[in-house]
Structures are given as C-alpha cells and as structure tokens.
Amino acid sequence: MIHATLHQLKVFEATARHGSFTRAAEELFLTQPTVSIQVKQLTKAVGLPLFEQIGKRLYLTQAGQKLLETCQAIFERLEQFEMSVSDLKGMKQGQLQLAVITTAKYFVPRLLGPFCQRYPGIDISLKVTNHQIIQERMADNQDDLYIISQPPEQPDLKSHLFLENPLIVLAAKNHPLAGQSNIPIQALNDQPFIMREPGSGTRHAVQKLFEKHKVAVKVRLELGSNEAIKQAIAGGLGISVLSQHTIVSEGTNGEFAVLDVEHFPIERHWYVAHLAGKHLSVVAETFLNYLLTESHSVAQQFLPDISQYSDRKEYSDNKEQDLLSKV
C-alpha cells in the first residue's frame, strides 16, 4: 500500500461509488482503460481482489469495502486540512454539504445568498428531501449539517434552535373568514380542511391543538406537498395550516389570506443538527455560527409580515384565564 498513489485511491473511490468503470471514467474525465489499469495496479498493491463483477455491475469485496472506508476518511481529512489552511490565510474556502427537509426549501436559499456573498470561495451542495431520507442520510453521515423542523430523537445528534417557524392558518383570499379579527378557534369546526400527510410534524402540531380545544374539521384532502396544498387552497378546496415560510414568495398580497384565528400562530422552530461526534469542518462551523447569530435578522427581510397576529396566543390565554376566574 506504500506504493499506492492518491490518484489511484480517487479512481478506486469513484469506481466503488458508481459500481462501474465507465461511469467512474466519465466523472474523472479519464478513459475507461485508464481507470481499469489504475484499479488493477491498486489491487496488486493491496494483494487482494477489491471488486467482483456480476453481470455488468461491480461489487466490493470485503477488502474493497475496507479500502473504501479508508479512502473516505483520507479524503475527509485532506479536505479539512485544505479548509484549515485557507482559514489560516484569512479565507473561507471549501464545500458545505447541507441537507434540509422539504419545507425549508422556501427560506434556506435566501439565507444562503448573503452567506455565499460573504464567502465566495465556499461551494454548497444542497439536498432537499423528506424526514425519512434525512434520517437515513444522518445515519450514513452523508452531510455536514441538517436543517429540520423538530428536535431529533436520536441521542447521537446535536441540535441547535436557530429560527422561528410559526404555523399559520392559510385560506383563499375570498374565504368568508378572511379579513376578520380575533376569530374563535371553534369557528374552524366543520370547515373543509387540507391536512398534511400522516407522520408530518405540522400535522401532529395541528391535531394536538385541535384535540385540546375540541375542534373537528372536515378533512377533504391529505397531501404531502406544501405546493399541492397551496394550489388546493387557491382552488377553493378548503383551508390548511402551513409554515409561514411557505408563503415567502407570495406573502399575503397574492391569492392567500392568513386567518386571524386564536391560538395561532402555533409556535415552532427550525433546528440545525449534526452528528454529535462529528468533527465539523471550518466551513461547516462558519455556516453554523452564521445560522445561530444572523439568520433571524436576515429572515426578517423576506418573511411576510404576520406581526398583527403575534399576540393572539397571549390574548387567547388571557381570555381563558378570565373565563376560568369567573367559574
């Protein structure tokens, strides 16, 4: 292995990841024979087969799997070294692997804009997916940081609260309740409602609030996409509860109205998480600090204004206390 070169390890890692000499050659801008030769030379240096071919697909042997893990560790340490050197030179350079849940796609790119302007040497890979895939990516340590809408339950994860995520009642602009103030939550009884899919954090929060106040809506649709829910609302199919961030583009001046219902907005937050034992790169640490210190002020520049409803929960709680004091 002393005679193995870094180039050979890169060729091997790409081949192992793709399971194909051809696809590895395309990624590395090499010819297929060159890739095959490099892997053969590395196999000779190891002294054991690294791949076995079944049909047209390459599969790692036990030795190949061990070597792949070693390659990944080497490349990660080299990347950290490069970023540390850049940091010592007063520059922030490198790559940030960021994975976020679907709803976060509405605001994360707007947070990334000022960050990338400040650090133009940083390249960002952004993966937008659902909670299940996020958990799988966490288990496989595929990313530097994760943005999620509820605290992780895994004990091996470290999370930081960094931004409010209020849940609002959204309706079509011409809805009968639009424009009214201090709407009792009981007014939602029997309203046609569009619910998020089972397992959604938003759905859980909504159902918990409705059960507490004995509200029974008529669930007309169950949808797993915020965009689909917004289209259903615009089409007059009912109302729904969504994150305030889902109307970043439209605000409240388009075809939607935020209903001023008591006990709303539901207070929730966004969290940034990473593996507890993970050694964060200089770039990941820089972005984490940016989220914790500046995301709120940046978000205020693009979030739609729902400040007129911000005291409704306090108003409602005080109203309940007054009623209880008279009983």
C-alpha atoms as a PDB file:
ATOM      1  CA  MET A   1       0.000   0.000   0.000  1.00  0.00           C
ATOM      2  CA  ILE A   2       3.021   2.301   0.368  1.00  0.00           C
ATOM      3  CA  HIS A   3       3.190   2.378  -3.416  1.00  0.00           C
ATOM      4  CA  ALA A   4      -0.493   3.301  -3.842  1.00  0.00           C
ATOM      5  CA  THR A   5      -0.949   6.859  -5.075  1.00  0.00           C
ATOM      6  CA  LEU A   6      -3.608   9.384  -4.123  1.00  0.00           C
ATOM      7  CA  HIS A   7      -4.728   9.353  -7.767  1.00  0.00           C
ATOM      8  CA  GLN A   8      -5.295   5.598  -7.624  1.00  0.00           C
ATOM      9  CA  LEU A   9      -7.346   5.979  -4.453  1.00  0.00           C
ATOM     10  CA  LYS A  10      -9.518   8.634  -6.111  1.00  0.00           C
ATOM     11  CA  VAL A  11     -10.073   6.374  -9.122  1.00  0.00           C
ATOM     12  CA  PHE A  12     -10.934   3.465  -6.846  1.00  0.00           C
ATOM     13  CA  GLU A  13     -13.362   5.546  -4.753  1.00  0.00           C
ATOM     14  CA  ALA A  14     -15.222   6.768  -7.834  1.00  0.00           C
ATOM     15  CA  THR A  15     -15.408   3.231  -9.250  1.00  0.00           C
ATOM     16  CA  ALA A  16     -16.699   1.857  -5.946  1.00  0.00           C
ATOM     17  CA  ARG A  17     -19.295   4.603  -5.649  1.00  0.00           C
ATOM     18  CA  HIS A  18     -20.643   4.084  -9.165  1.00  0.00           C
ATOM     19  CA  GLY A  19     -20.087   0.324  -9.397  1.00  0.00           C
ATOM     20  CA  SER A  20     -18.840   0.919 -12.928  1.00  0.00           C
ATOM     21  CA  PHE A  21     -15.518   1.639 -14.660  1.00  0.00           C
ATOM     22  CA  THR A  22     -17.358   3.565 -17.361  1.00  0.00           C
ATOM     23  CA  ARG A  23     -19.221   5.936 -15.037  1.00  0.00           C
ATOM     24  CA  ALA A  24     -16.086   6.496 -12.930  1.00  0.00           C
ATOM     25  CA  ALA A  25     -14.176   7.386 -16.108  1.00  0.00           C
ATOM     26  CA  GLU A  26     -16.888   9.870 -17.099  1.00  0.00           C
ATOM     27  CA  GLU A  27     -16.776  11.565 -13.692  1.00  0.00           C
ATOM     28  CA  LEU A  28     -12.977  11.795 -13.639  1.00  0.00           C
ATOM     29  CA  PHE A  29     -12.627  12.708 -17.346  1.00  0.00           C
ATOM     30  CA  LEU A  30     -10.470   9.642 -17.973  1.00  0.00           C
ATOM     31  CA  THR A  31     -10.713   6.796 -20.440  1.00  0.00           C
ATOM     32  CA  GLN A  32     -12.163   3.503 -19.271  1.00  0.00           C
ATOM     33  CA  PRO A  33      -8.881   1.582 -19.912  1.00  0.00           C
ATOM     34  CA  THR A  34      -7.030   4.135 -17.743  1.00  0.00           C
ATOM     35  CA  VAL A  35      -9.463   3.571 -14.879  1.00  0.00           C
ATOM     36  CA  SER A  36      -9.161  -0.218 -15.220  1.00  0.00           C
ATOM     37  CA  ILE A  37      -5.358  -0.029 -15.189  1.00  0.00           C
ATOM     38  CA  GLN A  38      -5.308   2.179 -12.086  1.00  0.00           C
ATOM     39  CA  VAL A  39      -7.622  -0.210 -10.223  1.00  0.00           C
ATOM     40  CA  LYS A  40      -5.518  -3.230 -11.277  1.00  0.00           C
ATOM     41  CA  GLN A  41      -2.350  -1.548 -10.012  1.00  0.00           C
ATOM     42  CA  LEU A  42      -4.046  -0.725  -6.711  1.00  0.00           C
ATOM     43  CA  THR A  43      -5.343  -4.294  -6.422  1.00  0.00           C
ATOM     44  CA  LYS A  44      -1.786  -5.555  -6.898  1.00  0.00           C
ATOM     45  CA  ALA A  45      -0.524  -3.217  -4.166  1.00  0.00           C
ATOM     46  CA  VAL A  46      -3.214  -4.419  -1.740  1.00  0.00           C
ATOM     47  CA  GLY A  47      -2.659  -8.066  -2.562  1.00  0.00           C
ATOM     48  CA  LEU A  48      -6.367  -8.965  -2.508  1.00  0.00           C
ATOM     49  CA  PRO A  49      -9.237  -8.514  -5.010  1.00  0.00           C
ATOM     50  CA  LEU A  50     -11.102  -5.239  -4.499  1.00  0.00           C
ATOM     51  CA  PHE A  51     -14.058  -5.934  -6.811  1.00  0.00           C
ATOM     52  CA  GLU A  52     -16.055  -8.851  -8.082  1.00  0.00           C
ATOM     53  CA  GLN A  53     -18.062  -8.473 -11.258  1.00  0.00           C
ATOM     54  CA  ILE A  54     -21.570  -9.901 -11.540  1.00  0.00           C
ATOM     55  CA  GLY A  55     -23.056  -9.171 -14.942  1.00  0.00           C
ATOM     56  CA  LYS A  56     -22.183  -5.575 -15.795  1.00  0.00           C
ATOM     57  CA  ARG A  57     -22.115  -4.442 -12.168  1.00  0.00           C
ATOM     58  CA  LEU A  58     -19.051  -4.247  -9.929  1.00  0.00           C
ATOM     59  CA  TYR A  59     -19.392  -5.173  -6.257  1.00  0.00           C
ATOM     60  CA  LEU A  60     -16.895  -4.526  -3.489  1.00  0.00           C
ATOM     61  CA  THR A  61     -15.159  -7.419  -1.813  1.00  0.00           C
ATOM     62  CA  GLN A  62     -14.523  -7.307   1.930  1.00  0.00           C
ATOM     63  CA  ALA A  63     -11.070  -5.840   1.274  1.00  0.00           C
ATOM     64  CA  GLY A  64     -12.615  -3.352  -1.157  1.00  0.00           C
ATOM     65  CA  GLN A  65     -15.142  -2.198   1.435  1.00  0.00           C
ATOM     66  CA  LYS A  66     -12.375  -1.650   3.988  1.00  0.00           C
ATOM     67  CA  LEU A  67     -10.350   0.300   1.442  1.00  0.00           C
ATOM     68  CA  LEU A  68     -13.355   2.442   0.521  1.00  0.00           C
ATOM     69  CA  GLU A  69     -13.868   3.404   4.169  1.00  0.00           C
ATOM     70  CA  THR A  70     -10.159   4.260   4.413  1.00  0.00           C
ATOM     71  CA  CYS A  71     -10.340   6.380   1.243  1.00  0.00           C
ATOM     72  CA  GLN A  72     -13.323   8.313   2.530  1.00  0.00           C
ATOM     73  CA  ALA A  73     -11.540   9.022   5.806  1.00  0.00           C
ATOM     74  CA  ILE A  74      -8.390  10.147   3.959  1.00  0.00           C
ATOM     75  CA  PHE A  75     -10.290  12.478   1.624  1.00  0.00           C
ATOM     76  CA  GLU A  76     -12.268  13.960   4.509  1.00  0.00           C
ATOM     77  CA  ARG A  77      -9.100  14.700   6.469  1.00  0.00           C
ATOM     78  CA  LEU A  78      -7.444  16.209   3.394  1.00  0.00           C
ATOM     79  CA  GLU A  79     -10.486  18.426   2.780  1.00  0.00           C
ATOM     80  CA  GLN A  80     -10.428  19.571   6.403  1.00  0.00           C
ATOM     81  CA  PHE A  81      -6.718  20.310   6.073  1.00  0.00           C
ATOM     82  CA  GLU A  82      -7.262  22.400   2.942  1.00  0.00           C
ATOM     83  CA  MET A  83     -10.028  24.379   4.641  1.00  0.00           C
ATOM     84  CA  SER A  84      -7.898  24.875   7.765  1.00  0.00           C
ATOM     85  CA  VAL A  85      -5.050  26.231   5.645  1.00  0.00           C
ATOM     86  CA  SER A  86      -7.497  28.576   3.882  1.00  0.00           C
ATOM     87  CA  ASP A  87      -8.742  29.723   7.290  1.00  0.00           C
ATOM     88  CA  LEU A  88      -5.193  30.438   8.425  1.00  0.00           C
ATOM     89  CA  LYS A  89      -4.734  32.528   5.284  1.00  0.00           C
ATOM     90  CA  GLY A  90      -7.830  34.528   6.185  1.00  0.00           C
ATOM     91  CA  MET A  91     -10.011  32.895   3.528  1.00  0.00           C
ATOM     92  CA  LYS A  92     -13.043  30.652   3.880  1.00  0.00           C
ATOM     93  CA  GLN A  93     -12.900  28.074   1.110  1.00  0.00           C
ATOM     94  CA  GLY A  94     -14.203  24.561   0.613  1.00  0.00           C
ATOM     95  CA  GLN A  95     -17.502  22.739   0.272  1.00  0.00           C
ATOM     96  CA  LEU A  96     -20.536  22.564   2.549  1.00  0.00           C
ATOM     97  CA  GLN A  97     -22.801  19.506   2.371  1.00  0.00           C
ATOM     98  CA  LEU A  98     -26.239  20.642   3.564  1.00  0.00           C
ATOM     99  CA  ALA A  99     -29.438  18.558   3.705  1.00  0.00           C
ATOM    100  CA  VAL A 100     -32.808  20.134   4.584  1.00  0.00           C
ATOM    101  CA  ILE A 101     -36.404  18.962   4.869  1.00  0.00           C
ATOM    102  CA  THR A 102     -38.807  19.953   2.110  1.00  0.00           C
ATOM    103  CA  THR A 103     -40.433  22.961   3.800  1.00  0.00           C
ATOM    104  CA  ALA A 104     -37.020  24.525   4.426  1.00  0.00           C
ATOM    105  CA  LYS A 105     -36.539  24.971   0.675  1.00  0.00           C
ATOM    106  CA  TYR A 106     -38.666  28.126   0.918  1.00  0.00           C
ATOM    107  CA  PHE A 107     -36.180  30.048   3.031  1.00  0.00           C
ATOM    108  CA  VAL A 108     -32.796  28.272   3.154  1.00  0.00           C
ATOM    109  CA  PRO A 109     -31.692  29.530  -0.306  1.00  0.00           C
ATOM    110  CA  ARG A 110     -32.446  33.081   0.885  1.00  0.00           C
ATOM    111  CA  LEU A 111     -30.236  32.527   3.923  1.00  0.00           C
ATOM    112  CA  LEU A 112     -27.511  31.074   1.714  1.00  0.00           C
ATOM    113  CA  GLY A 113     -27.441  34.161  -0.523  1.00  0.00           C
ATOM    114  CA  PRO A 114     -25.823  36.605   1.951  1.00  0.00           C
ATOM    115  CA  PHE A 115     -23.589  33.804   3.283  1.00  0.00           C
ATOM    116  CA  CYS A 116     -22.219  32.984  -0.184  1.00  0.00           C
ATOM    117  CA  GLN A 117     -21.711  36.677  -0.945  1.00  0.00           C
ATOM    118  CA  ARG A 118     -19.642  36.975   2.204  1.00  0.00           C
ATOM    119  CA  TYR A 119     -17.663  33.789   1.469  1.00  0.00           C
ATOM    120  CA  PRO A 120     -17.482  33.428  -2.338  1.00  0.00           C
ATOM    121  CA  GLY A 121     -14.914  30.642  -2.053  1.00  0.00           C
ATOM    122  CA  ILE A 122     -17.425  28.244  -0.489  1.00  0.00           C
ATOM    123  CA  ASP A 123     -19.305  25.799  -2.708  1.00  0.00           C
ATOM    124  CA  ILE A 124     -22.592  24.474  -1.308  1.00  0.00           C
ATOM    125  CA  SER A 125     -24.298  21.182  -2.081  1.00  0.00           C
ATOM    126  CA  LEU A 126     -27.962  21.445  -1.006  1.00  0.00           C
ATOM    127  CA  LYS A 127     -30.111  18.322  -0.735  1.00  0.00           C
ATOM    128  CA  VAL A 128     -33.862  18.865  -0.224  1.00  0.00           C
ATOM    129  CA  THR A 129     -35.782  15.784   0.913  1.00  0.00           C
ATOM    130  CA  ASN A 130     -38.264  14.385   3.453  1.00  0.00           C
ATOM    131  CA  HIS A 131     -37.760  13.440   7.106  1.00  0.00           C
ATOM    132  CA  GLN A 132     -37.212   9.746   6.386  1.00  0.00           C
ATOM    133  CA  ILE A 133     -34.438  10.344   3.860  1.00  0.00           C
ATOM    134  CA  ILE A 134     -32.877  12.946   6.171  1.00  0.00           C
ATOM    135  CA  GLN A 135     -32.678  10.316   8.913  1.00  0.00           C
ATOM    136  CA  GLU A 136     -31.081   7.850   6.513  1.00  0.00           C
ATOM    137  CA  ARG A 137     -28.529  10.443   5.427  1.00  0.00           C
ATOM    138  CA  MET A 138     -27.780  11.198   9.077  1.00  0.00           C
ATOM    139  CA  ALA A 139     -27.209   7.504   9.779  1.00  0.00           C
ATOM    140  CA  ASP A 140     -24.807   7.304   6.830  1.00  0.00           C
ATOM    141  CA  ASN A 141     -23.019  10.572   7.752  1.00  0.00           C
ATOM    142  CA  GLN A 142     -23.555  11.902   4.222  1.00  0.00           C
ATOM    143  CA  ASP A 143     -23.697  15.622   5.070  1.00  0.00           C
ATOM    144  CA  ASP A 144     -22.149  18.253   7.290  1.00  0.00           C
ATOM    145  CA  LEU A 145     -25.345  19.830   8.634  1.00  0.00           C
ATOM    146  CA  TYR A 146     -29.091  19.142   8.571  1.00  0.00           C
ATOM    147  CA  ILE A 147     -31.958  21.611   8.876  1.00  0.00           C
ATOM    148  CA  ILE A 148     -35.073  20.052  10.404  1.00  0.00           C
ATOM    149  CA  SER A 149     -38.374  21.252  11.858  1.00  0.00           C
ATOM    150  CA  GLN A 150     -38.419  19.275  15.089  1.00  0.00           C
ATOM    151  CA  PRO A 151     -35.718  18.268  17.580  1.00  0.00           C
ATOM    152  CA  PRO A 152     -34.122  14.957  16.608  1.00  0.00           C
ATOM    153  CA  GLU A 153     -34.829  11.989  18.825  1.00  0.00           C
ATOM    154  CA  GLN A 154     -31.521  10.262  18.134  1.00  0.00           C
ATOM    155  CA  PRO A 155     -29.134  10.611  21.113  1.00  0.00           C
ATOM    156  CA  ASP A 156     -26.107  10.716  18.782  1.00  0.00           C
ATOM    157  CA  LEU A 157     -27.234  14.018  17.224  1.00  0.00           C
ATOM    158  CA  LYS A 158     -26.574  17.530  18.442  1.00  0.00           C
ATOM    159  CA  SER A 159     -29.160  20.161  17.507  1.00  0.00           C
ATOM    160  CA  HIS A 160     -29.391  23.955  17.803  1.00  0.00           C
ATOM    161  CA  LEU A 161     -32.553  26.056  17.616  1.00  0.00           C
ATOM    162  CA  PHE A 162     -31.905  28.957  15.241  1.00  0.00           C
ATOM    163  CA  LEU A 163     -35.132  30.371  13.729  1.00  0.00           C
ATOM    164  CA  GLU A 164     -38.852  30.643  14.465  1.00  0.00           C
ATOM    165  CA  ASN A 165     -41.180  28.518  12.325  1.00  0.00           C
ATOM    166  CA  PRO A 166     -44.730  29.762  13.072  1.00  0.00           C
ATOM    167  CA  LEU A 167     -47.625  27.691  11.724  1.00  0.00           C
ATOM    168  CA  ILE A 168     -50.436  29.836  10.317  1.00  0.00           C
ATOM    169  CA  VAL A 169     -53.987  29.220   9.101  1.00  0.00           C
ATOM    170  CA  LEU A 170     -53.994  29.821   5.365  1.00  0.00           C
ATOM    171  CA  ALA A 171     -57.110  30.350   3.249  1.00  0.00           C
ATOM    172  CA  ALA A 172     -58.068  31.686  -0.154  1.00  0.00           C
ATOM    173  CA  LYS A 173     -58.314  35.467  -0.370  1.00  0.00           C
ATOM    174  CA  ASN A 174     -62.101  35.283  -0.822  1.00  0.00           C
ATOM    175  CA  HIS A 175     -62.729  32.933   2.115  1.00  0.00           C
ATOM    176  CA  PRO A 176     -65.627  34.073   4.367  1.00  0.00           C
ATOM    177  CA  LEU A 177     -63.300  34.313   7.389  1.00  0.00           C
ATOM    178  CA  ALA A 178     -60.655  36.355   5.566  1.00  0.00           C
ATOM    179  CA  GLY A 179     -60.273  39.850   6.989  1.00  0.00           C
ATOM    180  CA  GLN A 180     -61.995  39.056  10.289  1.00  0.00           C
ATOM    181  CA  SER A 181     -60.203  39.689  13.589  1.00  0.00           C
ATOM    182  CA  ASN A 182     -59.929  37.523  16.691  1.00  0.00           C
ATOM    183  CA  ILE A 183     -61.649  34.525  15.101  1.00  0.00           C
ATOM    184  CA  PRO A 184     -62.501  31.922  17.789  1.00  0.00           C
ATOM    185  CA  ILE A 185     -60.811  28.610  17.096  1.00  0.00           C
ATOM    186  CA  GLN A 186     -64.253  26.949  17.291  1.00  0.00           C
ATOM    187  CA  ALA A 187     -65.113  28.756  14.040  1.00  0.00           C
ATOM    188  CA  LEU A 188     -62.943  26.129  12.318  1.00  0.00           C
ATOM    189  CA  ASN A 189     -65.420  23.387  13.262  1.00  0.00           C
ATOM    190  CA  ASP A 190     -66.731  21.644  10.130  1.00  0.00           C
ATOM    191  CA  GLN A 191     -64.521  23.772   7.873  1.00  0.00           C
ATOM    192  CA  PRO A 192     -63.239  21.911   4.765  1.00  0.00           C
ATOM    193  CA  PHE A 193     -59.601  21.248   5.640  1.00  0.00           C
ATOM    194  CA  ILE A 194     -56.490  20.132   3.770  1.00  0.00           C
ATOM    195  CA  MET A 195     -54.253  18.090   6.054  1.00  0.00           C
ATOM    196  CA  ARG A 196     -50.585  17.192   5.734  1.00  0.00           C
ATOM    197  CA  GLU A 197     -49.739  13.516   5.365  1.00  0.00           C
ATOM    198  CA  PRO A 198     -49.511  11.185   8.423  1.00  0.00           C
ATOM    199  CA  GLY A 199     -46.144  11.474  10.157  1.00  0.00           C
ATOM    200  CA  SER A 200     -45.776  15.163   9.338  1.00  0.00           C
ATOM    201  CA  GLY A 201     -44.609  17.385  12.204  1.00  0.00           C
ATOM    202  CA  THR A 202     -47.070  20.069  11.087  1.00  0.00           C
ATOM    203  CA  ARG A 203     -49.957  17.598  11.154  1.00  0.00           C
ATOM    204  CA  HIS A 204     -49.021  16.430  14.641  1.00  0.00           C
ATOM    205  CA  ALA A 205     -48.948  20.015  15.971  1.00  0.00           C
ATOM    206  CA  VAL A 206     -52.300  20.848  14.356  1.00  0.00           C
ATOM    207  CA  GLN A 207     -54.031  17.715  15.616  1.00  0.00           C
ATOM    208  CA  LYS A 208     -52.700  18.307  19.127  1.00  0.00           C
ATOM    209  CA  LEU A 209     -54.125  21.846  19.166  1.00  0.00           C
ATOM    210  CA  PHE A 210     -57.478  20.784  17.676  1.00  0.00           C
ATOM    211  CA  GLU A 211     -57.846  17.941  20.189  1.00  0.00           C
ATOM    212  CA  LYS A 212     -57.081  20.302  23.061  1.00  0.00           C
ATOM    213  CA  HIS A 213     -59.855  22.690  22.007  1.00  0.00           C
ATOM    214  CA  LYS A 214     -62.237  20.008  20.682  1.00  0.00           C
ATOM    215  CA  VAL A 215     -62.173  21.295  17.111  1.00  0.00           C
ATOM    216  CA  ALA A 216     -63.360  18.893  14.392  1.00  0.00           C
ATOM    217  CA  VAL A 217     -62.587  19.961  10.835  1.00  0.00           C
ATOM    218  CA  LYS A 218     -63.710  18.135   7.699  1.00  0.00           C
ATOM    219  CA  VAL A 219     -60.552  16.679   6.168  1.00  0.00           C
ATOM    220  CA  ARG A 220     -61.197  16.901   2.440  1.00  0.00           C
ATOM    221  CA  LEU A 221     -57.662  16.078   1.276  1.00  0.00           C
ATOM    222  CA  GLU A 222     -54.427  14.684   2.674  1.00  0.00           C
ATOM    223  CA  LEU A 223     -51.383  15.912   0.767  1.00  0.00           C
ATOM    224  CA  GLY A 224     -47.652  15.512   1.304  1.00  0.00           C
ATOM    225  CA  SER A 225     -46.603  18.610  -0.626  1.00  0.00           C
ATOM    226  CA  ASN A 226     -46.857  22.194   0.578  1.00  0.00           C
ATOM    227  CA  GLU A 227     -47.153  23.394  -3.011  1.00  0.00           C
ATOM    228  CA  ALA A 228     -50.032  20.979  -3.664  1.00  0.00           C
ATOM    229  CA  ILE A 229     -51.770  22.210  -0.504  1.00  0.00           C
ATOM    230  CA  LYS A 230     -51.371  25.835  -1.597  1.00  0.00           C
ATOM    231  CA  GLN A 231     -52.852  25.026  -5.003  1.00  0.00           C
ATOM    232  CA  ALA A 232     -55.770  23.253  -3.303  1.00  0.00           C
ATOM    233  CA  ILE A 233     -56.369  26.307  -1.108  1.00  0.00           C
ATOM    234  CA  ALA A 234     -56.239  28.615  -4.113  1.00  0.00           C
ATOM    235  CA  GLY A 235     -58.737  26.308  -5.839  1.00  0.00           C
ATOM    236  CA  GLY A 236     -61.224  26.783  -3.015  1.00  0.00           C
ATOM    237  CA  LEU A 237     -60.969  23.238  -1.654  1.00  0.00           C
ATOM    238  CA  GLY A 238     -60.509  24.372   1.924  1.00  0.00           C
ATOM    239  CA  ILE A 239     -58.140  25.894   4.460  1.00  0.00           C
ATOM    240  CA  SER A 240     -54.948  24.473   5.926  1.00  0.00           C
ATOM    241  CA  VAL A 241     -52.213  25.105   8.456  1.00  0.00           C
ATOM    242  CA  LEU A 242     -48.773  25.631   6.965  1.00  0.00           C
ATOM    243  CA  SER A 243     -45.461  27.113   7.940  1.00  0.00           C
ATOM    244  CA  GLN A 244     -45.239  30.865   7.477  1.00  0.00           C
ATOM    245  CA  HIS A 245     -42.178  30.192   5.340  1.00  0.00           C
ATOM    246  CA  THR A 246     -44.266  28.505   2.631  1.00  0.00           C
ATOM    247  CA  ILE A 247     -45.650  31.914   1.564  1.00  0.00           C
ATOM    248  CA  VAL A 248     -42.305  33.668   1.363  1.00  0.00           C
ATOM    249  CA  SER A 249     -42.767  34.316  -2.370  1.00  0.00           C
ATOM    250  CA  GLU A 250     -46.466  35.289  -2.381  1.00  0.00           C
ATOM    251  CA  GLY A 251     -46.726  36.983   1.019  1.00  0.00           C
ATOM    252  CA  THR A 252     -50.278  37.961   1.922  1.00  0.00           C
ATOM    253  CA  ASN A 253     -50.789  40.172  -1.114  1.00  0.00           C
ATOM    254  CA  GLY A 254     -51.491  37.381  -3.601  1.00  0.00           C
ATOM    255  CA  GLU A 255     -54.277  34.819  -3.642  1.00  0.00           C
ATOM    256  CA  PHE A 256     -53.885  33.772   0.004  1.00  0.00           C
ATOM    257  CA  ALA A 257     -55.086  35.208   3.306  1.00  0.00           C
ATOM    258  CA  VAL A 258     -53.721  34.443   6.779  1.00  0.00           C
ATOM    259  CA  LEU A 259     -56.713  33.913   9.062  1.00  0.00           C
ATOM    260  CA  ASP A 260     -56.533  35.648  12.424  1.00  0.00           C
ATOM    261  CA  VAL A 261     -57.550  32.618  14.493  1.00  0.00           C
ATOM    262  CA  GLU A 262     -56.939  32.453  18.247  1.00  0.00           C
ATOM    263  CA  HIS A 263     -54.124  30.134  19.376  1.00  0.00           C
ATOM    264  CA  PHE A 264     -52.363  30.789  16.075  1.00  0.00           C
ATOM    265  CA  PRO A 265     -49.635  31.037  15.012  1.00  0.00           C
ATOM    266  CA  ILE A 266     -48.518  27.763  16.591  1.00  0.00           C
ATOM    267  CA  GLU A 267     -45.017  28.352  17.888  1.00  0.00           C
ATOM    268  CA  ARG A 268     -42.466  26.037  16.327  1.00  0.00           C
ATOM    269  CA  HIS A 269     -38.805  26.381  15.417  1.00  0.00           C
ATOM    270  CA  TRP A 270     -36.174  25.337  12.931  1.00  0.00           C
ATOM    271  CA  TYR A 271     -33.163  23.355  14.118  1.00  0.00           C
ATOM    272  CA  VAL A 272     -29.739  22.791  12.634  1.00  0.00           C
ATOM    273  CA  ALA A 273     -28.272  19.417  13.573  1.00  0.00           C
ATOM    274  CA  HIS A 274     -25.131  17.345  13.081  1.00  0.00           C
ATOM    275  CA  LEU A 275     -23.729  14.078  14.373  1.00  0.00           C
ATOM    276  CA  ALA A 276     -22.604  14.562  17.958  1.00  0.00           C
ATOM    277  CA  GLY A 277     -19.197  13.006  17.385  1.00  0.00           C
ATOM    278  CA  LYS A 278     -18.593  14.663  14.019  1.00  0.00           C
ATOM    279  CA  HIS A 279     -15.612  16.960  13.688  1.00  0.00           C
ATOM    280  CA  LEU A 280     -17.094  19.904  11.796  1.00  0.00           C
ATOM    281  CA  SER A 281     -15.008  21.441   9.059  1.00  0.00           C
ATOM    282  CA  VAL A 282     -14.079  25.122   9.149  1.00  0.00           C
ATOM    283  CA  VAL A 283     -16.774  25.799   6.529  1.00  0.00           C
ATOM    284  CA  ALA A 284     -19.462  23.895   8.464  1.00  0.00           C
ATOM    285  CA  GLU A 285     -18.538  25.711  11.686  1.00  0.00           C
ATOM    286  CA  THR A 286     -18.706  29.045   9.867  1.00  0.00           C
ATOM    287  CA  PHE A 287     -22.173  28.333   8.465  1.00  0.00           C
ATOM    288  CA  LEU A 288     -23.400  27.014  11.823  1.00  0.00           C
ATOM    289  CA  ASN A 289     -22.296  30.222  13.551  1.00  0.00           C
ATOM    290  CA  TYR A 290     -23.950  32.255  10.786  1.00  0.00           C
ATOM    291  CA  LEU A 291     -27.275  30.488  11.356  1.00  0.00           C
ATOM    292  CA  LEU A 292     -27.109  30.898  15.126  1.00  0.00           C
ATOM    293  CA  THR A 293     -26.172  34.585  15.091  1.00  0.00           C
ATOM    294  CA  GLU A 294     -27.587  36.146  11.927  1.00  0.00           C
ATOM    295  CA  SER A 295     -30.385  34.009  10.449  1.00  0.00           C
ATOM    296  CA  HIS A 296     -33.127  35.836  12.369  1.00  0.00           C
ATOM    297  CA  SER A 297     -32.147  39.299  11.124  1.00  0.00           C
ATOM    298  CA  VAL A 298     -31.712  38.029   7.555  1.00  0.00           C
ATOM    299  CA  ALA A 299     -35.083  36.220   7.628  1.00  0.00           C
ATOM    300  CA  GLN A 300     -36.932  39.364   8.693  1.00  0.00           C
ATOM    301  CA  GLN A 301     -36.059  40.884   5.326  1.00  0.00           C
ATOM    302  CA  PHE A 302     -38.021  38.335   3.305  1.00  0.00           C
ATOM    303  CA  LEU A 303     -40.663  36.818   5.586  1.00  0.00           C
ATOM    304  CA  PRO A 304     -44.254  38.014   5.072  1.00  0.00           C
ATOM    305  CA  ASP A 305     -45.493  40.242   7.886  1.00  0.00           C
ATOM    306  CA  ILE A 306     -47.867  38.457  10.258  1.00  0.00           C
ATOM    307  CA  SER A 307     -46.964  40.599  13.262  1.00  0.00           C
ATOM    308  CA  GLN A 308     -50.592  41.662  13.643  1.00  0.00           C
ATOM    309  CA  TYR A 309     -51.325  38.092  14.793  1.00  0.00           C
ATOM    310  CA  SER A 310     -48.299  37.653  17.049  1.00  0.00           C
ATOM    311  CA  ASP A 311     -50.175  38.468  20.255  1.00  0.00           C
ATOM    312  CA  ARG A 312     -53.195  36.251  19.550  1.00  0.00           C
ATOM    313  CA  LYS A 313     -51.931  33.371  21.686  1.00  0.00           C
ATOM    314  CA  GLU A 314     -51.351  35.697  24.627  1.00  0.00           C
ATOM    315  CA  TYR A 315     -54.766  37.262  24.039  1.00  0.00           C
ATOM    316  CA  SER A 316     -56.446  33.850  23.944  1.00  0.00           C
ATOM    317  CA  ASP A 317     -54.675  32.585  27.055  1.00  0.00           C
ATOM    318  CA  ASN A 318     -55.662  35.692  28.989  1.00  0.00           C
ATOM    319  CA  LYS A 319     -59.242  35.270  27.764  1.00  0.00           C
ATOM    320  CA  GLU A 320     -59.289  31.672  29.036  1.00  0.00           C
ATOM    321  CA  GLN A 321     -57.914  32.751  32.417  1.00  0.00           C
ATOM    322  CA  ASP A 322     -60.620  35.423  32.711  1.00  0.00           C
ATOM    323  CA  LEU A 323     -63.307  32.856  31.964  1.00  0.00           C
ATOM    324  CA  LEU A 324     -61.869  30.377  34.455  1.00  0.00           C
ATOM    325  CA  SER A 325     -61.750  33.054  37.158  1.00  0.00           C
ATOM    326  CA  LYS A 326     -65.500  33.572  36.753  1.00  0.00           C
ATOM    327  CA  VAL A 327     -66.369  29.880  37.139  1.00  0.00           C
END
